[in-house]
Amino acid sequence: MSLRAAARMAVLGLIASLAIAGCASTDPDQGDSIATFRVADGSTFKVLITDPADLETVDALSKGTDAPSIPNGAILHETGVNTGWSWSLDPTDFEFSDVVDAACQATPQEIEDGTFEGDRFCPWSAIVVSLEPAP
């Protein structure tokens, strides 16, 4: 990806984050939640968030506050809350990161179709688009 394209994606991500600030707001004390993320190709995926620190991070991001923003989790080959996909991210091995290794960059479809062979998924372009209490 060219530097110009990367900069454009970063600006679009920032604009989208600001546009949804408040849409995904949550009470970090509400308990387990399901976060929906959108990545650069427009696809979405869902993650069960169980760690109170990660819930606080989602809350900060939804308010436009600076916080680690890259979802980073171990891939499980089971659906879990990630409806529409045959995989999910392990809620016990999930965090938000500031910087990630390029080896975990992929799209949800690349995980689905097996062209991505890594064991972690950390899409730098992901933004939180919704947050709801877990059932």
N, C-alpha and C. Protein backbone atom coordinates (compact mmCIF):
# COMPACT_ATOMS: atom_id res chain seq x y z
N MET A 1 0.85 -1.16 0.00
CA MET A 1 0.00 0.00 0.00
C MET A 1 0.90 1.23 0.00
N SER A 2 0.58 2.20 -0.85
CA SER A 2 1.39 3.40 -0.93
C SER A 2 1.21 4.25 0.32
N LEU A 3 2.16 5.13 0.54
CA LEU A 3 2.09 6.04 1.68
C LEU A 3 0.84 6.91 1.58
N ARG A 4 0.52 7.38 0.38
CA ARG A 4 -0.66 8.21 0.18
C ARG A 4 -1.94 7.44 0.54
N ALA A 5 -2.02 6.19 0.10
CA ALA A 5 -3.20 5.37 0.39
C ALA A 5 -3.30 5.11 1.89
N ALA A 6 -2.16 4.84 2.53
CA ALA A 6 -2.16 4.61 3.98
C ALA A 6 -2.60 5.86 4.73
N ALA A 7 -2.12 7.02 4.31
CA ALA A 7 -2.53 8.27 4.95
C ALA A 7 -4.01 8.52 4.75
N ARG A 8 -4.50 8.25 3.54
CA ARG A 8 -5.93 8.43 3.26
C ARG A 8 -6.77 7.53 4.16
N MET A 9 -6.34 6.26 4.32
CA MET A 9 -7.06 5.33 5.18
C MET A 9 -7.06 5.81 6.62
N ALA A 10 -5.92 6.34 7.08
CA ALA A 10 -5.84 6.84 8.46
C ALA A 10 -6.79 8.01 8.67
N VAL A 11 -6.84 8.93 7.71
CA VAL A 11 -7.74 10.08 7.81
C VAL A 11 -9.19 9.62 7.78
N LEU A 12 -9.51 8.70 6.88
CA LEU A 12 -10.89 8.19 6.81
C LEU A 12 -11.27 7.48 8.11
N GLY A 13 -10.34 6.74 8.68
CA GLY A 13 -10.60 6.08 9.96
C GLY A 13 -10.86 7.08 11.07
N LEU A 14 -10.08 8.15 11.10
CA LEU A 14 -10.27 9.19 12.11
C LEU A 14 -11.63 9.86 11.92
N ILE A 15 -11.97 10.21 10.71
CA ILE A 15 -13.27 10.84 10.44
C ILE A 15 -14.40 9.92 10.85
N ALA A 16 -14.30 8.65 10.48
CA ALA A 16 -15.35 7.70 10.83
C ALA A 16 -15.44 7.53 12.35
N SER A 17 -14.30 7.51 13.03
CA SER A 17 -14.31 7.39 14.48
C SER A 17 -15.02 8.57 15.12
N LEU A 18 -14.72 9.76 14.62
CA LEU A 18 -15.37 10.95 15.17
C LEU A 18 -16.86 10.96 14.84
N ALA A 19 -17.21 10.47 13.67
CA ALA A 19 -18.62 10.47 13.26
C ALA A 19 -19.45 9.54 14.13
N ILE A 20 -18.85 8.46 14.63
CA ILE A 20 -19.62 7.54 15.44
C ILE A 20 -19.43 7.77 16.94
N ALA A 21 -18.64 8.76 17.30
CA ALA A 21 -18.43 9.02 18.73
C ALA A 21 -19.78 9.22 19.39
N GLY A 22 -20.11 8.39 20.32
CA GLY A 22 -21.41 8.46 20.94
C GLY A 22 -22.33 7.36 20.45
N CYS A 23 -22.16 6.88 19.24
CA CYS A 23 -22.99 5.78 18.73
C CYS A 23 -22.67 4.48 19.46
N ALA A 24 -21.42 4.30 19.84
CA ALA A 24 -21.02 3.06 20.46
C ALA A 24 -20.76 3.22 21.95
N SER A 25 -21.15 4.34 22.51
CA SER A 25 -20.87 4.61 23.91
C SER A 25 -21.47 3.54 24.81
N THR A 26 -20.72 3.20 25.84
CA THR A 26 -21.18 2.16 26.76
C THR A 26 -20.78 2.52 28.17
N ASP A 27 -21.40 1.86 29.09
CA ASP A 27 -21.03 1.96 30.49
C ASP A 27 -20.05 0.82 30.74
N PRO A 28 -18.79 1.13 31.06
CA PRO A 28 -17.81 0.06 31.24
C PRO A 28 -18.20 -0.93 32.33
N ASP A 29 -19.13 -0.57 33.21
CA ASP A 29 -19.56 -1.46 34.27
C ASP A 29 -20.72 -2.36 33.87
N GLN A 30 -21.20 -2.27 32.63
CA GLN A 30 -22.38 -3.02 32.23
C GLN A 30 -22.12 -4.51 32.06
N GLY A 31 -20.90 -4.93 32.01
CA GLY A 31 -20.60 -6.35 31.84
C GLY A 31 -20.21 -6.66 30.41
N ASP A 32 -20.18 -7.96 30.11
CA ASP A 32 -19.76 -8.41 28.79
C ASP A 32 -20.56 -7.71 27.69
N SER A 33 -19.86 -7.35 26.61
CA SER A 33 -20.51 -6.66 25.50
C SER A 33 -20.01 -7.22 24.18
N ILE A 34 -20.79 -6.99 23.13
CA ILE A 34 -20.40 -7.38 21.79
C ILE A 34 -20.10 -6.12 21.00
N ALA A 35 -18.86 -6.00 20.56
CA ALA A 35 -18.44 -4.85 19.75
C ALA A 35 -18.44 -5.26 18.29
N THR A 36 -19.00 -4.40 17.46
CA THR A 36 -18.95 -4.60 16.01
C THR A 36 -17.93 -3.63 15.44
N PHE A 37 -17.02 -4.16 14.64
CA PHE A 37 -15.97 -3.36 14.01
C PHE A 37 -16.17 -3.36 12.50
N ARG A 38 -15.82 -2.25 11.86
CA ARG A 38 -15.79 -2.16 10.39
C ARG A 38 -14.34 -1.92 9.99
N VAL A 39 -13.91 -2.63 8.94
CA VAL A 39 -12.54 -2.48 8.44
C VAL A 39 -12.55 -1.77 7.09
N ALA A 40 -11.37 -1.49 6.56
CA ALA A 40 -11.21 -0.64 5.38
C ALA A 40 -11.98 -1.14 4.16
N ASP A 41 -12.15 -2.47 4.01
CA ASP A 41 -12.88 -2.97 2.83
C ASP A 41 -14.39 -2.90 3.01
N GLY A 42 -14.85 -2.37 4.15
CA GLY A 42 -16.28 -2.21 4.41
C GLY A 42 -16.92 -3.37 5.14
N SER A 43 -16.20 -4.47 5.31
CA SER A 43 -16.78 -5.62 6.00
C SER A 43 -16.74 -5.39 7.51
N THR A 44 -17.56 -6.15 8.21
CA THR A 44 -17.64 -6.02 9.66
C THR A 44 -17.39 -7.37 10.32
N PHE A 45 -17.01 -7.32 11.58
CA PHE A 45 -16.88 -8.52 12.40
C PHE A 45 -17.22 -8.14 13.83
N LYS A 46 -17.58 -9.13 14.64
CA LYS A 46 -17.98 -8.90 16.03
C LYS A 46 -17.05 -9.61 16.99
N VAL A 47 -16.86 -8.98 18.15
CA VAL A 47 -15.99 -9.54 19.18
C VAL A 47 -16.72 -9.46 20.52
N LEU A 48 -16.68 -10.55 21.28
CA LEU A 48 -17.19 -10.55 22.64
C LEU A 48 -16.11 -9.93 23.52
N ILE A 49 -16.44 -8.85 24.19
CA ILE A 49 -15.48 -8.17 25.06
C ILE A 49 -15.88 -8.43 26.50
N THR A 50 -14.97 -9.07 27.24
CA THR A 50 -15.26 -9.46 28.62
C THR A 50 -14.38 -8.75 29.64
N ASP A 51 -13.26 -8.22 29.20
CA ASP A 51 -12.32 -7.57 30.12
C ASP A 51 -12.77 -6.14 30.41
N PRO A 52 -12.92 -5.77 31.68
CA PRO A 52 -13.35 -4.41 32.01
C PRO A 52 -12.43 -3.32 31.41
N ALA A 53 -11.14 -3.59 31.34
CA ALA A 53 -10.21 -2.60 30.75
C ALA A 53 -10.51 -2.40 29.27
N ASP A 54 -10.83 -3.47 28.55
CA ASP A 54 -11.18 -3.35 27.14
C ASP A 54 -12.51 -2.63 26.96
N LEU A 55 -13.45 -2.85 27.89
CA LEU A 55 -14.72 -2.11 27.83
C LEU A 55 -14.49 -0.62 28.04
N GLU A 56 -13.57 -0.28 28.93
CA GLU A 56 -13.22 1.13 29.13
C GLU A 56 -12.58 1.71 27.88
N THR A 57 -11.76 0.92 27.19
CA THR A 57 -11.13 1.39 25.95
C THR A 57 -12.20 1.65 24.89
N VAL A 58 -13.16 0.75 24.74
CA VAL A 58 -14.24 0.96 23.77
C VAL A 58 -15.00 2.23 24.11
N ASP A 59 -15.28 2.44 25.38
CA ASP A 59 -15.99 3.64 25.81
C ASP A 59 -15.18 4.89 25.45
N ALA A 60 -13.88 4.87 25.72
CA ALA A 60 -13.02 6.03 25.40
C ALA A 60 -13.01 6.28 23.89
N LEU A 61 -12.87 5.22 23.11
CA LEU A 61 -12.84 5.38 21.65
C LEU A 61 -14.17 5.94 21.14
N SER A 62 -15.28 5.48 21.71
CA SER A 62 -16.59 5.95 21.25
C SER A 62 -16.80 7.43 21.56
N LYS A 63 -16.05 7.95 22.53
CA LYS A 63 -16.16 9.37 22.90
C LYS A 63 -15.10 10.22 22.20
N GLY A 64 -14.30 9.58 21.33
CA GLY A 64 -13.27 10.31 20.61
C GLY A 64 -12.02 10.54 21.41
N THR A 65 -11.90 9.88 22.55
CA THR A 65 -10.72 10.00 23.40
C THR A 65 -9.60 9.13 22.85
N ASP A 66 -8.38 9.61 22.93
CA ASP A 66 -7.23 8.85 22.46
C ASP A 66 -7.04 7.62 23.33
N ALA A 67 -6.97 6.47 22.70
CA ALA A 67 -6.76 5.20 23.40
C ALA A 67 -6.23 4.21 22.37
N PRO A 68 -5.61 3.12 22.84
CA PRO A 68 -5.21 2.09 21.88
C PRO A 68 -6.46 1.66 21.10
N SER A 69 -6.36 1.60 19.77
CA SER A 69 -7.59 1.41 18.99
C SER A 69 -7.59 0.20 18.06
N ILE A 70 -6.51 -0.55 18.01
CA ILE A 70 -6.45 -1.68 17.10
C ILE A 70 -6.88 -2.95 17.82
N PRO A 71 -8.01 -3.56 17.40
CA PRO A 71 -8.40 -4.82 18.02
C PRO A 71 -7.39 -5.90 17.67
N ASN A 72 -7.03 -6.70 18.65
CA ASN A 72 -5.96 -7.68 18.47
C ASN A 72 -6.34 -8.94 19.23
N GLY A 73 -6.65 -10.01 18.51
CA GLY A 73 -7.08 -11.22 19.19
C GLY A 73 -6.68 -12.49 18.48
N ALA A 74 -6.66 -13.57 19.26
CA ALA A 74 -6.38 -14.90 18.73
C ALA A 74 -7.62 -15.39 17.98
N ILE A 75 -7.40 -15.98 16.82
CA ILE A 75 -8.49 -16.47 15.98
C ILE A 75 -8.92 -17.86 16.46
N LEU A 76 -10.24 -18.00 16.66
CA LEU A 76 -10.85 -19.29 16.96
C LEU A 76 -11.65 -19.71 15.73
N HIS A 77 -11.59 -20.95 15.38
CA HIS A 77 -12.35 -21.43 14.21
C HIS A 77 -13.71 -21.96 14.65
N GLU A 78 -14.46 -21.03 15.25
CA GLU A 78 -15.85 -21.24 15.65
C GLU A 78 -16.52 -19.88 15.62
N THR A 79 -17.82 -19.85 15.39
CA THR A 79 -18.50 -18.59 15.18
C THR A 79 -18.58 -17.72 16.43
N GLY A 80 -18.98 -18.27 17.56
CA GLY A 80 -19.17 -17.45 18.75
C GLY A 80 -20.18 -16.35 18.45
N VAL A 81 -19.86 -15.10 18.82
CA VAL A 81 -20.77 -13.97 18.55
C VAL A 81 -20.57 -13.39 17.16
N ASN A 82 -19.57 -13.85 16.44
CA ASN A 82 -19.22 -13.29 15.14
C ASN A 82 -20.11 -13.88 14.03
N THR A 83 -21.39 -13.59 14.13
CA THR A 83 -22.35 -14.16 13.19
C THR A 83 -22.01 -13.75 11.76
N GLY A 84 -22.23 -14.69 10.85
CA GLY A 84 -21.93 -14.46 9.45
C GLY A 84 -20.55 -14.96 9.04
N TRP A 85 -19.72 -15.29 10.01
CA TRP A 85 -18.38 -15.81 9.74
C TRP A 85 -18.23 -17.14 10.46
N SER A 86 -17.32 -17.96 10.02
CA SER A 86 -17.09 -19.27 10.65
C SER A 86 -15.97 -19.19 11.69
N TRP A 87 -15.56 -18.01 12.06
CA TRP A 87 -14.47 -17.80 13.01
C TRP A 87 -14.86 -16.68 13.98
N SER A 88 -14.11 -16.56 15.05
CA SER A 88 -14.30 -15.46 16.00
C SER A 88 -12.95 -15.17 16.65
N LEU A 89 -12.91 -14.13 17.45
CA LEU A 89 -11.70 -13.83 18.22
C LEU A 89 -11.92 -14.30 19.66
N ASP A 90 -10.90 -14.89 20.23
CA ASP A 90 -10.97 -15.43 21.58
C ASP A 90 -11.10 -14.29 22.58
N PRO A 91 -12.22 -14.19 23.31
CA PRO A 91 -12.39 -13.09 24.27
C PRO A 91 -11.38 -13.14 25.42
N THR A 92 -10.79 -14.31 25.68
CA THR A 92 -9.79 -14.41 26.74
C THR A 92 -8.38 -14.07 26.26
N ASP A 93 -8.23 -13.87 24.95
CA ASP A 93 -6.93 -13.51 24.37
C ASP A 93 -7.15 -12.36 23.39
N PHE A 94 -7.76 -11.28 23.90
CA PHE A 94 -8.11 -10.11 23.10
C PHE A 94 -7.65 -8.87 23.85
N GLU A 95 -7.18 -7.87 23.08
CA GLU A 95 -6.78 -6.59 23.66
C GLU A 95 -6.84 -5.53 22.58
N PHE A 96 -6.75 -4.28 22.99
CA PHE A 96 -6.58 -3.18 22.05
C PHE A 96 -5.12 -2.78 22.08
N SER A 97 -4.54 -2.56 20.91
CA SER A 97 -3.13 -2.23 20.81
C SER A 97 -2.92 -0.90 20.11
N ASP A 98 -1.77 -0.28 20.36
CA ASP A 98 -1.36 0.93 19.64
C ASP A 98 -0.62 0.58 18.37
N VAL A 99 0.19 -0.46 18.45
CA VAL A 99 1.03 -0.89 17.33
C VAL A 99 0.92 -2.40 17.23
N VAL A 100 0.84 -2.91 15.99
CA VAL A 100 0.75 -4.35 15.80
C VAL A 100 1.71 -4.80 14.71
N ASP A 101 2.01 -6.05 14.72
CA ASP A 101 2.87 -6.67 13.71
C ASP A 101 2.08 -6.82 12.41
N ALA A 102 2.70 -6.55 11.31
CA ALA A 102 2.03 -6.69 10.01
C ALA A 102 1.58 -8.12 9.74
N ALA A 103 2.14 -9.08 10.45
CA ALA A 103 1.78 -10.48 10.24
C ALA A 103 0.33 -10.79 10.61
N CYS A 104 -0.32 -9.93 11.38
CA CYS A 104 -1.71 -10.21 11.77
C CYS A 104 -2.71 -9.34 11.00
N GLN A 105 -2.23 -8.63 9.99
CA GLN A 105 -3.10 -7.82 9.15
C GLN A 105 -3.83 -8.70 8.14
N ALA A 106 -5.13 -8.55 8.06
CA ALA A 106 -5.94 -9.32 7.11
C ALA A 106 -7.32 -8.68 7.06
N THR A 107 -8.17 -9.25 6.25
CA THR A 107 -9.58 -8.86 6.25
C THR A 107 -10.38 -10.05 6.78
N PRO A 108 -11.60 -9.79 7.23
CA PRO A 108 -12.42 -10.91 7.68
C PRO A 108 -12.58 -11.99 6.60
N GLN A 109 -12.72 -11.58 5.35
CA GLN A 109 -12.89 -12.55 4.27
C GLN A 109 -11.65 -13.40 4.07
N GLU A 110 -10.46 -12.83 4.26
CA GLU A 110 -9.23 -13.60 4.11
C GLU A 110 -9.12 -14.67 5.18
N ILE A 111 -9.64 -14.38 6.38
CA ILE A 111 -9.67 -15.42 7.43
C ILE A 111 -10.67 -16.49 7.02
N GLU A 112 -11.84 -16.05 6.57
CA GLU A 112 -12.92 -16.96 6.19
C GLU A 112 -12.50 -17.91 5.08
N ASP A 113 -11.86 -17.38 4.04
CA ASP A 113 -11.54 -18.24 2.89
C ASP A 113 -10.20 -18.96 3.02
N GLY A 114 -9.50 -18.74 4.14
CA GLY A 114 -8.26 -19.47 4.39
C GLY A 114 -7.03 -18.90 3.74
N THR A 115 -7.14 -17.75 3.07
CA THR A 115 -5.94 -17.17 2.46
C THR A 115 -5.05 -16.50 3.51
N PHE A 116 -5.61 -16.19 4.68
CA PHE A 116 -4.81 -15.68 5.80
C PHE A 116 -4.52 -16.86 6.71
N GLU A 117 -3.25 -17.09 6.98
CA GLU A 117 -2.86 -18.28 7.74
C GLU A 117 -2.36 -17.96 9.14
N GLY A 118 -2.46 -16.70 9.57
CA GLY A 118 -1.99 -16.34 10.90
C GLY A 118 -2.92 -16.84 11.99
N ASP A 119 -2.44 -16.76 13.24
CA ASP A 119 -3.26 -17.19 14.35
C ASP A 119 -3.83 -16.02 15.15
N ARG A 120 -3.47 -14.78 14.75
CA ARG A 120 -4.01 -13.57 15.38
C ARG A 120 -4.52 -12.64 14.28
N PHE A 121 -5.54 -11.85 14.63
CA PHE A 121 -6.14 -10.90 13.71
C PHE A 121 -6.08 -9.53 14.37
N CYS A 122 -5.48 -8.56 13.68
CA CYS A 122 -5.34 -7.21 14.24
C CYS A 122 -5.43 -6.17 13.11
N PRO A 123 -6.62 -5.94 12.61
CA PRO A 123 -6.77 -5.01 11.50
C PRO A 123 -6.62 -3.55 11.95
N TRP A 124 -5.55 -2.90 11.48
CA TRP A 124 -5.28 -1.53 11.92
C TRP A 124 -6.36 -0.55 11.50
N SER A 125 -7.13 -0.89 10.47
CA SER A 125 -8.16 0.04 9.98
C SER A 125 -9.49 -0.11 10.71
N ALA A 126 -9.60 -1.05 11.63
CA ALA A 126 -10.89 -1.32 12.28
C ALA A 126 -11.34 -0.15 13.15
N ILE A 127 -12.63 0.13 13.08
CA ILE A 127 -13.25 1.12 13.97
C ILE A 127 -14.48 0.49 14.59
N VAL A 128 -14.78 0.87 15.81
CA VAL A 128 -15.97 0.39 16.50
C VAL A 128 -17.17 1.10 15.91
N VAL A 129 -18.15 0.33 15.43
CA VAL A 129 -19.37 0.95 14.88
C VAL A 129 -20.58 0.72 15.76
N SER A 130 -20.52 -0.28 16.65
CA SER A 130 -21.62 -0.45 17.59
C SER A 130 -21.14 -1.30 18.76
N LEU A 131 -21.87 -1.17 19.84
CA LEU A 131 -21.58 -1.93 21.05
C LEU A 131 -22.91 -2.24 21.71
N GLU A 132 -23.11 -3.49 22.04
CA GLU A 132 -24.37 -3.89 22.68
C GLU A 132 -24.06 -4.88 23.80
N PRO A 133 -24.93 -4.94 24.79
CA PRO A 133 -24.71 -5.92 25.86
C PRO A 133 -24.74 -7.33 25.30
N ALA A 134 -23.90 -8.19 25.85
CA ALA A 134 -23.90 -9.60 25.44
C ALA A 134 -25.13 -10.28 26.05
N PRO A 135 -25.67 -11.25 25.33
CA PRO A 135 -26.85 -11.96 25.87
C PRO A 135 -26.50 -12.78 27.10
